[in-house]
């Protein structure tokens, strides 16, 4: 019984995983404004930076590339 309960609990998504999924959805939603999308990506990268530094660098590169598309996004280029 204990093993079955552990398996059930392990299969449930954590609140952190759900938050990551929603931030990823915001980033991929091109109908939203760029500022909201870049803010979501920055928040996501900040949250995973301690555990996944390589992934964080890739996300920072994505953010810098997106910010480089528009000269008005210097703030986001600096944040990346």
N, C-alpha and C. Protein backbone atom coordinates (compact mmCIF):
# COMPACT_ATOMS: atom_id res chain seq x y z
N UNK A 1 0.82 -1.19 0.00
CA UNK A 1 0.00 0.00 0.00
C UNK A 1 0.86 1.26 0.00
N UNK A 2 1.92 1.25 0.78
CA UNK A 2 2.81 2.41 0.87
C UNK A 2 3.48 2.70 -0.47
N UNK A 3 3.88 1.66 -1.19
CA UNK A 3 4.52 1.83 -2.49
C UNK A 3 3.54 2.41 -3.49
N UNK A 4 2.30 1.98 -3.44
CA UNK A 4 1.28 2.51 -4.33
C UNK A 4 1.03 3.99 -4.06
N UNK A 5 0.96 4.38 -2.80
CA UNK A 5 0.77 5.77 -2.43
C UNK A 5 1.96 6.61 -2.87
N UNK A 6 3.17 6.11 -2.68
CA UNK A 6 4.37 6.83 -3.11
C UNK A 6 4.36 7.04 -4.62
N UNK A 7 3.98 6.01 -5.37
CA UNK A 7 3.92 6.12 -6.83
C UNK A 7 2.90 7.15 -7.27
N UNK A 8 1.77 7.21 -6.59
CA UNK A 8 0.74 8.19 -6.91
C UNK A 8 1.23 9.61 -6.64
N UNK A 9 1.87 9.81 -5.50
CA UNK A 9 2.36 11.13 -5.15
C UNK A 9 3.50 11.56 -6.06
N UNK A 10 4.34 10.64 -6.44
CA UNK A 10 5.46 10.97 -7.33
C UNK A 10 4.96 11.34 -8.73
N UNK A 11 3.83 10.83 -9.14
CA UNK A 11 3.29 11.11 -10.46
C UNK A 11 2.60 12.47 -10.54
N UNK A 12 2.29 13.07 -9.40
CA UNK A 12 1.61 14.36 -9.39
C UNK A 12 2.60 15.48 -9.70
N UNK A 13 2.23 16.42 -10.59
CA UNK A 13 3.13 17.53 -10.87
C UNK A 13 3.25 18.44 -9.64
N UNK A 14 4.45 18.92 -9.39
CA UNK A 14 4.66 19.81 -8.26
C UNK A 14 4.17 21.22 -8.62
N UNK A 15 3.88 22.03 -7.62
CA UNK A 15 3.48 23.42 -7.91
C UNK A 15 4.56 24.16 -8.69
N UNK A 16 5.83 23.86 -8.40
CA UNK A 16 6.93 24.51 -9.14
C UNK A 16 6.90 24.09 -10.60
N UNK A 17 6.64 22.82 -10.87
CA UNK A 17 6.58 22.34 -12.25
C UNK A 17 5.42 23.00 -12.99
N UNK A 18 4.30 23.16 -12.31
CA UNK A 18 3.14 23.81 -12.93
C UNK A 18 3.46 25.27 -13.26
N UNK A 19 4.19 25.94 -12.38
CA UNK A 19 4.57 27.33 -12.63
C UNK A 19 5.52 27.41 -13.81
N UNK A 20 6.48 26.48 -13.90
CA UNK A 20 7.40 26.46 -15.03
C UNK A 20 6.64 26.26 -16.33
N UNK A 21 5.67 25.35 -16.32
CA UNK A 21 4.89 25.09 -17.52
C UNK A 21 4.13 26.33 -17.95
N UNK A 22 3.55 27.06 -17.01
CA UNK A 22 2.79 28.25 -17.37
C UNK A 22 3.71 29.35 -17.89
N UNK A 23 4.91 29.47 -17.33
CA UNK A 23 5.87 30.46 -17.83
C UNK A 23 6.33 30.11 -19.24
N UNK A 24 6.51 28.83 -19.49
CA UNK A 24 6.90 28.39 -20.83
C UNK A 24 5.79 28.68 -21.83
N UNK A 25 4.54 28.49 -21.42
CA UNK A 25 3.42 28.79 -22.30
C UNK A 25 3.37 30.28 -22.64
N UNK A 26 3.65 31.13 -21.67
CA UNK A 26 3.67 32.57 -21.92
C UNK A 26 4.76 32.90 -22.93
N UNK A 27 5.94 32.33 -22.78
CA UNK A 27 7.04 32.61 -23.70
C UNK A 27 6.69 32.18 -25.12
N UNK A 28 6.04 31.05 -25.27
CA UNK A 28 5.71 30.52 -26.59
C UNK A 28 4.50 31.19 -27.23
N UNK A 29 3.73 31.93 -26.46
CA UNK A 29 2.52 32.58 -26.97
C UNK A 29 2.91 33.89 -27.67
N UNK A 30 3.05 33.83 -28.97
CA UNK A 30 3.49 35.00 -29.73
C UNK A 30 2.42 36.07 -29.87
N UNK A 31 1.19 35.79 -29.46
CA UNK A 31 0.15 36.82 -29.52
C UNK A 31 0.25 37.79 -28.33
N UNK A 32 1.01 37.42 -27.31
CA UNK A 32 1.20 38.31 -26.16
C UNK A 32 2.27 39.34 -26.49
N UNK A 33 2.28 40.43 -25.73
CA UNK A 33 3.29 41.47 -25.96
C UNK A 33 4.67 40.94 -25.56
N UNK A 34 5.69 41.47 -26.23
CA UNK A 34 7.06 40.99 -26.02
C UNK A 34 7.54 41.20 -24.59
N UNK A 35 7.13 42.28 -23.96
CA UNK A 35 7.58 42.54 -22.59
C UNK A 35 7.10 41.45 -21.64
N UNK A 36 5.86 41.05 -21.76
CA UNK A 36 5.34 39.97 -20.90
C UNK A 36 6.07 38.66 -21.18
N UNK A 37 6.31 38.39 -22.44
CA UNK A 37 6.99 37.15 -22.80
C UNK A 37 8.42 37.13 -22.27
N UNK A 38 9.14 38.25 -22.42
CA UNK A 38 10.53 38.29 -21.94
C UNK A 38 10.58 38.28 -20.42
N UNK A 39 9.62 38.88 -19.77
CA UNK A 39 9.55 38.85 -18.31
C UNK A 39 9.34 37.41 -17.82
N UNK A 40 8.47 36.66 -18.48
CA UNK A 40 8.23 35.27 -18.11
C UNK A 40 9.49 34.43 -18.30
N UNK A 41 10.19 34.66 -19.42
CA UNK A 41 11.42 33.90 -19.67
C UNK A 41 12.48 34.24 -18.63
N UNK A 42 12.59 35.50 -18.26
CA UNK A 42 13.58 35.91 -17.26
C UNK A 42 13.25 35.28 -15.90
N UNK A 43 11.99 35.30 -15.53
CA UNK A 43 11.57 34.71 -14.25
C UNK A 43 11.85 33.21 -14.24
N UNK A 44 11.55 32.55 -15.33
CA UNK A 44 11.80 31.12 -15.45
C UNK A 44 13.29 30.83 -15.33
N UNK A 45 14.10 31.58 -16.05
CA UNK A 45 15.56 31.37 -16.02
C UNK A 45 16.11 31.60 -14.61
N UNK A 46 15.61 32.62 -13.94
CA UNK A 46 16.07 32.91 -12.59
C UNK A 46 15.74 31.76 -11.64
N UNK A 47 14.56 31.17 -11.81
CA UNK A 47 14.13 30.09 -10.92
C UNK A 47 14.93 28.81 -11.11
N UNK A 48 15.44 28.56 -12.30
CA UNK A 48 16.19 27.32 -12.53
C UNK A 48 17.70 27.52 -12.49
N UNK A 49 18.15 28.74 -12.29
CA UNK A 49 19.58 29.04 -12.41
C UNK A 49 20.46 28.25 -11.45
N UNK A 50 19.98 27.99 -10.24
CA UNK A 50 20.80 27.25 -9.28
C UNK A 50 20.94 25.77 -9.59
N UNK A 51 19.91 25.19 -10.19
CA UNK A 51 19.91 23.76 -10.46
C UNK A 51 20.38 23.41 -11.86
N UNK A 52 20.09 24.28 -12.83
CA UNK A 52 20.39 23.98 -14.23
C UNK A 52 21.11 25.16 -14.88
N UNK A 53 22.37 25.38 -14.54
CA UNK A 53 23.08 26.55 -15.08
C UNK A 53 23.22 26.52 -16.61
N UNK A 54 23.39 25.35 -17.19
CA UNK A 54 23.52 25.27 -18.65
C UNK A 54 22.23 25.70 -19.34
N UNK A 55 21.11 25.25 -18.81
CA UNK A 55 19.81 25.65 -19.37
C UNK A 55 19.58 27.15 -19.19
N UNK A 56 20.02 27.67 -18.06
CA UNK A 56 19.87 29.10 -17.80
C UNK A 56 20.63 29.92 -18.83
N UNK A 57 21.82 29.47 -19.20
CA UNK A 57 22.60 30.19 -20.22
C UNK A 57 21.90 30.16 -21.57
N UNK A 58 21.29 29.04 -21.91
CA UNK A 58 20.55 28.95 -23.17
C UNK A 58 19.34 29.89 -23.16
N UNK A 59 18.66 29.96 -22.03
CA UNK A 59 17.51 30.86 -21.93
C UNK A 59 17.95 32.32 -22.00
N UNK A 60 19.09 32.63 -21.39
CA UNK A 60 19.62 34.00 -21.47
C UNK A 60 19.97 34.35 -22.91
N UNK A 61 20.49 33.39 -23.65
CA UNK A 61 20.80 33.63 -25.05
C UNK A 61 19.53 33.88 -25.85
N UNK A 62 18.47 33.12 -25.59
CA UNK A 62 17.19 33.35 -26.25
C UNK A 62 16.67 34.76 -25.95
N UNK A 63 16.78 35.15 -24.69
CA UNK A 63 16.31 36.46 -24.28
C UNK A 63 17.13 37.56 -24.97
N UNK A 64 18.43 37.40 -25.01
CA UNK A 64 19.28 38.40 -25.67
C UNK A 64 18.97 38.49 -27.16
N UNK A 65 18.72 37.35 -27.79
CA UNK A 65 18.39 37.37 -29.23
C UNK A 65 17.06 38.07 -29.47
N UNK A 66 16.08 37.78 -28.65
CA UNK A 66 14.76 38.41 -28.79
C UNK A 66 14.88 39.92 -28.55
N UNK A 67 15.62 40.30 -27.53
CA UNK A 67 15.79 41.71 -27.21
C UNK A 67 16.58 42.43 -28.30
N UNK A 68 17.47 41.73 -28.96
CA UNK A 68 18.27 42.33 -30.03
C UNK A 68 17.47 42.64 -31.28
N UNK A 69 16.27 42.10 -31.40
CA UNK A 69 15.43 42.35 -32.56
C UNK A 69 14.88 43.78 -32.58
N UNK A 70 14.84 44.42 -31.43
CA UNK A 70 14.25 45.75 -31.33
C UNK A 70 15.19 46.65 -30.53
N UNK A 71 15.64 47.78 -31.11
CA UNK A 71 16.55 48.66 -30.37
C UNK A 71 15.95 49.23 -29.07
N UNK A 72 14.63 49.22 -28.95
CA UNK A 72 13.98 49.73 -27.74
C UNK A 72 14.06 48.78 -26.56
N UNK A 73 14.60 47.60 -26.77
CA UNK A 73 14.68 46.59 -25.71
C UNK A 73 16.06 46.51 -25.09
N UNK A 74 16.72 47.63 -24.95
CA UNK A 74 18.07 47.63 -24.34
C UNK A 74 18.04 47.12 -22.90
N UNK A 75 16.96 47.43 -22.19
CA UNK A 75 16.82 46.95 -20.82
C UNK A 75 16.91 45.44 -20.79
N UNK A 76 16.20 44.77 -21.70
CA UNK A 76 16.18 43.31 -21.73
C UNK A 76 17.51 42.75 -22.20
N UNK A 77 18.21 43.46 -23.07
CA UNK A 77 19.53 43.00 -23.48
C UNK A 77 20.47 43.03 -22.28
N UNK A 78 20.38 44.07 -21.48
CA UNK A 78 21.22 44.17 -20.28
C UNK A 78 20.86 43.09 -19.26
N UNK A 79 19.57 42.79 -19.11
CA UNK A 79 19.15 41.77 -18.16
C UNK A 79 19.62 40.37 -18.57
N UNK A 80 19.68 40.14 -19.87
CA UNK A 80 20.09 38.82 -20.36
C UNK A 80 21.53 38.60 -20.03
